[in-house]
Amino acid sequence: MIKAFIIAALSADGYIAKNPTAPSTVWTSKEDKKRFVELTKKAGVVVMGQNTWMTLGGKALKERLNIVYSPEPIANLPAGVELTKKSPAELLQELKSRGFKEVAICGGSQIYTMFMKFGLVNRLYLTVEPVIFGNGIRLFKEDMDFKLKLVNSIRTEGGTLLTEYEVQK
């Protein structure tokens, strides 16, 4: 099976954003941004929901196939962006048949929940930033019960914690 990983930045109190329209990267460190680019370019394909795609400016992330979950068509899609309504398993199977070996699940909460719930995620790359929101959008929208194994963690000079977890099956 194709490998799927979640990549997300969280506030120290566990939120991925303050609200659905907040730009998703203005509060993250340069180390987080660098890791995001490296891991997603290596995978070659990113999957996200329409809200996340819109917070990125509605543009394609360069050098990656961008798959956007959208309930209805979006006019004037840029090159490199495809829409889908497929189940996570169907999408991963299609991407595997197209030669992809790895997929980056880039958010938001609904998309993270959907892929995690179906047991399709192998790894989580979570960045914990030294900020507190007090309220906002959680990583997952539903209760989860998964065991993780810490594979790696790096603390930056600025206090950002870059972690890598393996999902225990």
C-alpha atoms as a PDB file:
ATOM      1  CA  MET A   1       0.000   0.000   0.000  1.00  0.00           C
ATOM      2  CA  ILE A   2       1.047   3.569  -0.629  1.00  0.00           C
ATOM      3  CA  LYS A   3       2.355   5.411   2.457  1.00  0.00           C
ATOM      4  CA  ALA A   4       0.307   8.342   3.742  1.00  0.00           C
ATOM      5  CA  PHE A   5       1.552  10.781   6.335  1.00  0.00           C
ATOM      6  CA  ILE A   6      -0.075  13.672   8.154  1.00  0.00           C
ATOM      7  CA  ILE A   7       1.907  16.889   8.338  1.00  0.00           C
ATOM      8  CA  ALA A   8       0.633  19.632  10.629  1.00  0.00           C
ATOM      9  CA  ALA A   9       1.707  22.506  12.838  1.00  0.00           C
ATOM     10  CA  LEU A  10       0.044  22.912  16.218  1.00  0.00           C
ATOM     11  CA  SER A  11      -0.004  25.601  18.858  1.00  0.00           C
ATOM     12  CA  ALA A  12       1.351  24.546  22.248  1.00  0.00           C
ATOM     13  CA  ASP A  13      -2.278  24.117  23.352  1.00  0.00           C
ATOM     14  CA  GLY A  14      -3.081  21.771  20.476  1.00  0.00           C
ATOM     15  CA  TYR A  15      -4.752  23.854  17.749  1.00  0.00           C
ATOM     16  CA  ILE A  16      -3.939  23.828  14.029  1.00  0.00           C
ATOM     17  CA  ALA A  17      -5.592  27.224  13.420  1.00  0.00           C
ATOM     18  CA  LYS A  18      -7.492  29.954  15.244  1.00  0.00           C
ATOM     19  CA  ASN A  19     -10.427  29.833  12.804  1.00  0.00           C
ATOM     20  CA  PRO A  20     -11.311  28.323   9.389  1.00  0.00           C
ATOM     21  CA  THR A  21     -10.210  31.373   7.399  1.00  0.00           C
ATOM     22  CA  ALA A  22      -6.961  32.084   9.251  1.00  0.00           C
ATOM     23  CA  PRO A  23      -3.914  31.686   7.007  1.00  0.00           C
ATOM     24  CA  SER A  24      -2.373  28.397   8.044  1.00  0.00           C
ATOM     25  CA  THR A  25       1.297  29.338   7.941  1.00  0.00           C
ATOM     26  CA  VAL A  26       1.736  32.895   9.221  1.00  0.00           C
ATOM     27  CA  TRP A  27       2.411  31.734  12.794  1.00  0.00           C
ATOM     28  CA  THR A  28       4.737  28.819  12.043  1.00  0.00           C
ATOM     29  CA  SER A  29       8.527  28.867  12.214  1.00  0.00           C
ATOM     30  CA  LYS A  30      10.917  28.855   9.277  1.00  0.00           C
ATOM     31  CA  GLU A  31      11.997  25.345  10.351  1.00  0.00           C
ATOM     32  CA  ASP A  32       8.400  24.131  10.060  1.00  0.00           C
ATOM     33  CA  LYS A  33       7.994  25.722   6.622  1.00  0.00           C
ATOM     34  CA  LYS A  34      11.297  24.182   5.456  1.00  0.00           C
ATOM     35  CA  ARG A  35      10.282  20.711   6.667  1.00  0.00           C
ATOM     36  CA  PHE A  36       6.842  21.059   5.048  1.00  0.00           C
ATOM     37  CA  VAL A  37       8.393  21.879   1.666  1.00  0.00           C
ATOM     38  CA  GLU A  38      11.003  19.094   1.913  1.00  0.00           C
ATOM     39  CA  LEU A  39       8.579  16.345   2.944  1.00  0.00           C
ATOM     40  CA  THR A  40       5.776  17.298   0.576  1.00  0.00           C
ATOM     41  CA  LYS A  41       8.093  17.679  -2.439  1.00  0.00           C
ATOM     42  CA  LYS A  42       9.640  14.294  -1.637  1.00  0.00           C
ATOM     43  CA  ALA A  43       6.152  12.739  -1.569  1.00  0.00           C
ATOM     44  CA  GLY A  44       5.198  14.506  -4.796  1.00  0.00           C
ATOM     45  CA  VAL A  45       1.518  14.749  -3.943  1.00  0.00           C
ATOM     46  CA  VAL A  46      -0.401  16.712  -1.309  1.00  0.00           C
ATOM     47  CA  VAL A  47      -4.001  16.130  -0.250  1.00  0.00           C
ATOM     48  CA  MET A  48      -6.049  18.815   1.459  1.00  0.00           C
ATOM     49  CA  GLY A  49      -9.546  20.101   1.916  1.00  0.00           C
ATOM     50  CA  GLN A  50     -10.963  23.091   0.091  1.00  0.00           C
ATOM     51  CA  ASN A  51     -10.696  25.396   3.144  1.00  0.00           C
ATOM     52  CA  THR A  52      -6.996  24.585   3.602  1.00  0.00           C
ATOM     53  CA  TRP A  53      -6.367  25.115  -0.102  1.00  0.00           C
ATOM     54  CA  MET A  54      -8.111  28.494   0.090  1.00  0.00           C
ATOM     55  CA  THR A  55      -5.993  29.562   3.109  1.00  0.00           C
ATOM     56  CA  LEU A  56      -2.948  28.847   0.911  1.00  0.00           C
ATOM     57  CA  GLY A  57      -4.306  31.403  -1.545  1.00  0.00           C
ATOM     58  CA  GLY A  58      -6.073  28.956  -3.874  1.00  0.00           C
ATOM     59  CA  LYS A  59      -2.807  28.294  -5.697  1.00  0.00           C
ATOM     60  CA  ALA A  60      -1.022  25.062  -6.512  1.00  0.00           C
ATOM     61  CA  LEU A  61       1.944  24.152  -4.345  1.00  0.00           C
ATOM     62  CA  LYS A  62       4.740  23.976  -6.927  1.00  0.00           C
ATOM     63  CA  GLU A  63       6.475  20.727  -7.862  1.00  0.00           C
ATOM     64  CA  ARG A  64       3.677  18.690  -6.274  1.00  0.00           C
ATOM     65  CA  LEU A  65       0.372  17.294  -7.478  1.00  0.00           C
ATOM     66  CA  ASN A  66      -2.296  19.054  -5.393  1.00  0.00           C
ATOM     67  CA  ILE A  67      -5.444  17.020  -4.652  1.00  0.00           C
ATOM     68  CA  VAL A  68      -8.257  19.073  -3.131  1.00  0.00           C
ATOM     69  CA  TYR A  69     -11.363  17.537  -1.568  1.00  0.00           C
ATOM     70  CA  SER A  70     -14.259  19.661  -2.753  1.00  0.00           C
ATOM     71  CA  PRO A  71     -18.019  18.968  -2.692  1.00  0.00           C
ATOM     72  CA  GLU A  72     -18.542  20.963  -5.890  1.00  0.00           C
ATOM     73  CA  PRO A  73     -16.469  22.085  -8.898  1.00  0.00           C
ATOM     74  CA  ILE A  74     -14.132  25.055  -8.503  1.00  0.00           C
ATOM     75  CA  ALA A  75     -13.857  27.419 -11.463  1.00  0.00           C
ATOM     76  CA  ASN A  76     -10.480  28.287 -13.008  1.00  0.00           C
ATOM     77  CA  LEU A  77      -8.450  25.588 -11.269  1.00  0.00           C
ATOM     78  CA  PRO A  78      -4.728  26.243 -11.662  1.00  0.00           C
ATOM     79  CA  ALA A  79      -2.500  23.659 -13.350  1.00  0.00           C
ATOM     80  CA  GLY A  80      -1.343  20.999 -10.922  1.00  0.00           C
ATOM     81  CA  VAL A  81      -4.599  20.992  -8.923  1.00  0.00           C
ATOM     82  CA  GLU A  82      -7.160  18.191  -9.133  1.00  0.00           C
ATOM     83  CA  LEU A  83     -10.467  17.910  -7.277  1.00  0.00           C
ATOM     84  CA  THR A  84     -11.760  14.727  -5.683  1.00  0.00           C
ATOM     85  CA  LYS A  85     -14.709  13.332  -3.755  1.00  0.00           C
ATOM     86  CA  LYS A  86     -13.249   9.804  -3.562  1.00  0.00           C
ATOM     87  CA  SER A  87     -12.921   7.904  -0.332  1.00  0.00           C
ATOM     88  CA  PRO A  88      -9.417   8.050   1.148  1.00  0.00           C
ATOM     89  CA  ALA A  89      -8.789   4.381   0.237  1.00  0.00           C
ATOM     90  CA  GLU A  90      -9.936   4.908  -3.371  1.00  0.00           C
ATOM     91  CA  LEU A  91      -7.788   8.023  -3.698  1.00  0.00           C
ATOM     92  CA  LEU A  92      -4.677   6.309  -2.330  1.00  0.00           C
ATOM     93  CA  GLN A  93      -5.239   3.334  -4.663  1.00  0.00           C
ATOM     94  CA  GLU A  94      -5.546   5.675  -7.658  1.00  0.00           C
ATOM     95  CA  LEU A  95      -2.412   7.599  -6.667  1.00  0.00           C
ATOM     96  CA  LYS A  96      -0.518   4.319  -6.256  1.00  0.00           C
ATOM     97  CA  SER A  97      -1.603   3.263  -9.765  1.00  0.00           C
ATOM     98  CA  ARG A  98      -0.229   6.599 -11.023  1.00  0.00           C
ATOM     99  CA  GLY A  99       3.194   5.730  -9.577  1.00  0.00           C
ATOM    100  CA  PHE A 100       3.169   7.641  -6.301  1.00  0.00           C
ATOM    101  CA  LYS A 101       4.740   5.898  -3.307  1.00  0.00           C
ATOM    102  CA  GLU A 102       3.950   8.490  -0.634  1.00  0.00           C
ATOM    103  CA  VAL A 103       1.179  11.021   0.002  1.00  0.00           C
ATOM    104  CA  ALA A 104       1.253  14.064   2.282  1.00  0.00           C
ATOM    105  CA  ILE A 105      -2.070  14.722   4.045  1.00  0.00           C
ATOM    106  CA  CYS A 106      -1.962  18.485   4.639  1.00  0.00           C
ATOM    107  CA  GLY A 107      -5.251  19.305   6.325  1.00  0.00           C
ATOM    108  CA  GLY A 108      -7.456  20.511   7.562  1.00  0.00           C
ATOM    109  CA  SER A 109      -9.073  18.859  10.518  1.00  0.00           C
ATOM    110  CA  GLN A 110     -11.794  17.111   8.507  1.00  0.00           C
ATOM    111  CA  ILE A 111      -9.266  15.606   6.055  1.00  0.00           C
ATOM    112  CA  TYR A 112      -6.859  14.564   8.841  1.00  0.00           C
ATOM    113  CA  THR A 113      -9.783  12.886  10.630  1.00  0.00           C
ATOM    114  CA  MET A 114     -11.002  11.100   7.508  1.00  0.00           C
ATOM    115  CA  PHE A 115      -7.615   9.556   6.644  1.00  0.00           C
ATOM    116  CA  MET A 116      -6.719   8.718  10.255  1.00  0.00           C
ATOM    117  CA  LYS A 117     -10.123   7.193  11.015  1.00  0.00           C
ATOM    118  CA  PHE A 118      -9.781   4.767   8.098  1.00  0.00           C
ATOM    119  CA  GLY A 119      -6.373   3.606   9.355  1.00  0.00           C
ATOM    120  CA  LEU A 120      -4.526   4.854   6.267  1.00  0.00           C
ATOM    121  CA  VAL A 121      -1.906   7.025   7.988  1.00  0.00           C
ATOM    122  CA  ASN A 122       1.557   5.560   8.649  1.00  0.00           C
ATOM    123  CA  ARG A 123       3.319   8.626  10.111  1.00  0.00           C
ATOM    124  CA  LEU A 124       2.581  11.987  11.648  1.00  0.00           C
ATOM    125  CA  TYR A 125       4.972  14.903  11.298  1.00  0.00           C
ATOM    126  CA  LEU A 126       3.788  17.323  13.960  1.00  0.00           C
ATOM    127  CA  THR A 127       5.376  20.666  14.670  1.00  0.00           C
ATOM    128  CA  VAL A 128       4.552  22.181  18.048  1.00  0.00           C
ATOM    129  CA  GLU A 129       5.034  25.937  17.926  1.00  0.00           C
ATOM    130  CA  PRO A 130       5.590  28.012  21.096  1.00  0.00           C
ATOM    131  CA  VAL A 131       2.299  29.925  20.773  1.00  0.00           C
ATOM    132  CA  ILE A 132      -1.041  29.592  22.547  1.00  0.00           C
ATOM    133  CA  PHE A 133      -4.378  30.202  20.813  1.00  0.00           C
ATOM    134  CA  GLY A 134      -6.721  29.363  23.711  1.00  0.00           C
ATOM    135  CA  ASN A 135      -9.332  28.316  21.191  1.00  0.00           C
ATOM    136  CA  GLY A 136      -9.477  27.180  17.590  1.00  0.00           C
ATOM    137  CA  ILE A 137      -9.483  24.163  15.315  1.00  0.00           C
ATOM    138  CA  ARG A 138      -8.186  20.854  16.662  1.00  0.00           C
ATOM    139  CA  LEU A 139      -6.072  18.392  14.672  1.00  0.00           C
ATOM    140  CA  PHE A 140      -8.946  15.880  14.616  1.00  0.00           C
ATOM    141  CA  LYS A 141     -12.699  16.447  14.638  1.00  0.00           C
ATOM    142  CA  GLU A 142     -13.575  13.100  16.270  1.00  0.00           C
ATOM    143  CA  ASP A 143     -12.362  10.876  19.076  1.00  0.00           C
ATOM    144  CA  MET A 144      -9.324   8.843  18.056  1.00  0.00           C
ATOM    145  CA  ASP A 145      -7.669   5.835  19.646  1.00  0.00           C
ATOM    146  CA  PHE A 146      -4.256   5.245  18.106  1.00  0.00           C
ATOM    147  CA  LYS A 147      -0.926   4.453  19.695  1.00  0.00           C
ATOM    148  CA  LEU A 148       2.088   6.302  18.350  1.00  0.00           C
ATOM    149  CA  LYS A 149       5.815   5.651  18.572  1.00  0.00           C
ATOM    150  CA  LEU A 150       8.099   8.687  18.690  1.00  0.00           C
ATOM    151  CA  VAL A 151      10.661   8.233  15.907  1.00  0.00           C
ATOM    152  CA  ASN A 152      12.404  11.604  16.079  1.00  0.00           C
ATOM    153  CA  SER A 153      12.178  14.998  17.743  1.00  0.00           C
ATOM    154  CA  ILE A 154      14.205  18.159  17.231  1.00  0.00           C
ATOM    155  CA  ARG A 155      13.992  21.330  19.325  1.00  0.00           C
ATOM    156  CA  THR A 156      14.964  24.522  17.523  1.00  0.00           C
ATOM    157  CA  GLU A 157      16.656  27.559  19.050  1.00  0.00           C
ATOM    158  CA  GLY A 158      13.344  29.411  18.871  1.00  0.00           C
ATOM    159  CA  GLY A 159      11.578  26.728  20.907  1.00  0.00           C
ATOM    160  CA  THR A 160       9.769  24.943  18.075  1.00  0.00           C
ATOM    161  CA  LEU A 161       9.491  21.175  18.488  1.00  0.00           C
ATOM    162  CA  LEU A 162       9.595  19.107  15.291  1.00  0.00           C
ATOM    163  CA  THR A 163       8.326  15.578  15.937  1.00  0.00           C
ATOM    164  CA  GLU A 164       7.894  12.444  13.849  1.00  0.00           C
ATOM    165  CA  TYR A 165       5.604   9.646  15.013  1.00  0.00           C
ATOM    166  CA  GLU A 166       4.930   6.213  13.587  1.00  0.00           C
ATOM    167  CA  VAL A 167       1.348   4.951  13.862  1.00  0.00           C
ATOM    168  CA  GLN A 168       1.350   1.585  15.629  1.00  0.00           C
ATOM    169  CA  LYS A 169      -0.855  -0.947  13.816  1.00  0.00           C
END
